C-alpha atoms as a PDB file:
ATOM      1  CA  UNK A   1       0.001  -0.007  -0.005  1.00  0.00           C
ATOM      2  CA  UNK A   2       1.116   3.535  -0.744  1.00  0.00           C
ATOM      3  CA  UNK A   3       0.106   6.916   0.542  1.00  0.00           C
ATOM      4  CA  UNK A   4      -1.915   9.186  -1.782  1.00  0.00           C
ATOM      5  CA  UNK A   5       0.741  11.881  -1.637  1.00  0.00           C
ATOM      6  CA  UNK A   6       3.048   9.751  -3.805  1.00  0.00           C
ATOM      7  CA  UNK A   7       0.717   9.718  -6.847  1.00  0.00           C
ATOM      8  CA  UNK A   8      -1.674  11.872  -8.824  1.00  0.00           C
ATOM      9  CA  UNK A   9      -5.099  10.443  -7.889  1.00  0.00           C
ATOM     10  CA  UNK A  10      -8.462  11.290  -9.460  1.00  0.00           C
ATOM     11  CA  UNK A  11     -12.019  10.010  -9.024  1.00  0.00           C
ATOM     12  CA  UNK A  12     -12.538   6.807 -10.985  1.00  0.00           C
ATOM     13  CA  UNK A  13     -15.064   6.784 -13.840  1.00  0.00           C
ATOM     14  CA  UNK A  14     -16.306   3.531 -12.288  1.00  0.00           C
ATOM     15  CA  UNK A  15     -17.271   5.214  -8.995  1.00  0.00           C
ATOM     16  CA  UNK A  16     -20.863   4.918  -7.910  1.00  0.00           C
ATOM     17  CA  UNK A  17     -23.026   7.808  -6.887  1.00  0.00           C
ATOM     18  CA  UNK A  18     -23.130   9.285  -3.422  1.00  0.00           C
ATOM     19  CA  UNK A  19     -20.525   7.975  -0.971  1.00  0.00           C
ATOM     20  CA  UNK A  20     -19.443   4.976  -3.064  1.00  0.00           C
ATOM     21  CA  UNK A  21     -16.460   6.539  -4.806  1.00  0.00           C
ATOM     22  CA  UNK A  22     -12.960   5.286  -5.441  1.00  0.00           C
ATOM     23  CA  UNK A  23      -9.888   7.082  -6.703  1.00  0.00           C
ATOM     24  CA  UNK A  24      -7.336   5.840  -9.201  1.00  0.00           C
ATOM     25  CA  UNK A  25      -3.851   6.807 -10.332  1.00  0.00           C
ATOM     26  CA  UNK A  26      -2.059   5.649 -13.462  1.00  0.00           C
ATOM     27  CA  UNK A  27       1.075   3.567 -12.996  1.00  0.00           C
ATOM     28  CA  UNK A  28       3.577   2.586 -15.658  1.00  0.00           C
ATOM     29  CA  UNK A  29       2.217  -0.986 -15.721  1.00  0.00           C
ATOM     30  CA  UNK A  30      -1.311  -0.673 -14.271  1.00  0.00           C
ATOM     31  CA  UNK A  31      -3.210   1.465 -11.752  1.00  0.00           C
ATOM     32  CA  UNK A  32      -3.426   2.269  -8.043  1.00  0.00           C
ATOM     33  CA  UNK A  33      -6.867   2.140  -6.447  1.00  0.00           C
ATOM     34  CA  UNK A  34      -8.185   3.436  -3.096  1.00  0.00           C
ATOM     35  CA  UNK A  35     -11.067   4.977  -1.158  1.00  0.00           C
ATOM     36  CA  UNK A  36     -10.985   8.767  -1.527  1.00  0.00           C
ATOM     37  CA  UNK A  37     -12.673   9.240   1.884  1.00  0.00           C
ATOM     38  CA  UNK A  38      -9.865   7.450   3.752  1.00  0.00           C
ATOM     39  CA  UNK A  39      -6.611   8.159   1.886  1.00  0.00           C
ATOM     40  CA  UNK A  40      -4.664   7.587   5.134  1.00  0.00           C
ATOM     41  CA  UNK A  41      -5.409   3.862   4.739  1.00  0.00           C
ATOM     42  CA  UNK A  42      -3.394   3.807   1.524  1.00  0.00           C
ATOM     43  CA  UNK A  43      -4.055   2.325  -1.889  1.00  0.00           C
ATOM     44  CA  UNK A  44      -3.347  -0.942  -3.614  1.00  0.00           C
ATOM     45  CA  UNK A  45      -1.680  -1.451  -6.985  1.00  0.00           C
ATOM     46  CA  UNK A  46      -3.057  -3.519  -9.849  1.00  0.00           C
ATOM     47  CA  UNK A  47      -0.896  -4.552 -12.753  1.00  0.00           C
ATOM     48  CA  UNK A  48      -2.370  -4.273 -16.259  1.00  0.00           C
ATOM     49  CA  UNK A  49      -3.519  -7.933 -16.260  1.00  0.00           C
ATOM     50  CA  UNK A  50      -5.219  -7.740 -12.840  1.00  0.00           C
ATOM     51  CA  UNK A  51      -7.018  -4.537 -13.698  1.00  0.00           C
ATOM     52  CA  UNK A  52      -8.460  -5.701 -17.031  1.00  0.00           C
ATOM     53  CA  UNK A  53     -12.191  -6.328 -17.214  1.00  0.00           C
ATOM     54  CA  UNK A  54     -13.132  -9.911 -18.040  1.00  0.00           C
END
């Protein structure tokens, strides 16, 4: 997990309405994902294969 200060996060286009939002940041080989309401809990990284829709 990484802190949000290390990356340029934005609200995901896959966020739901209301309080169900996530934030994402581009990585060289995937994306980082986290809850924008609790950035202190960190984010997890997905490589390009893990983050692909099936």
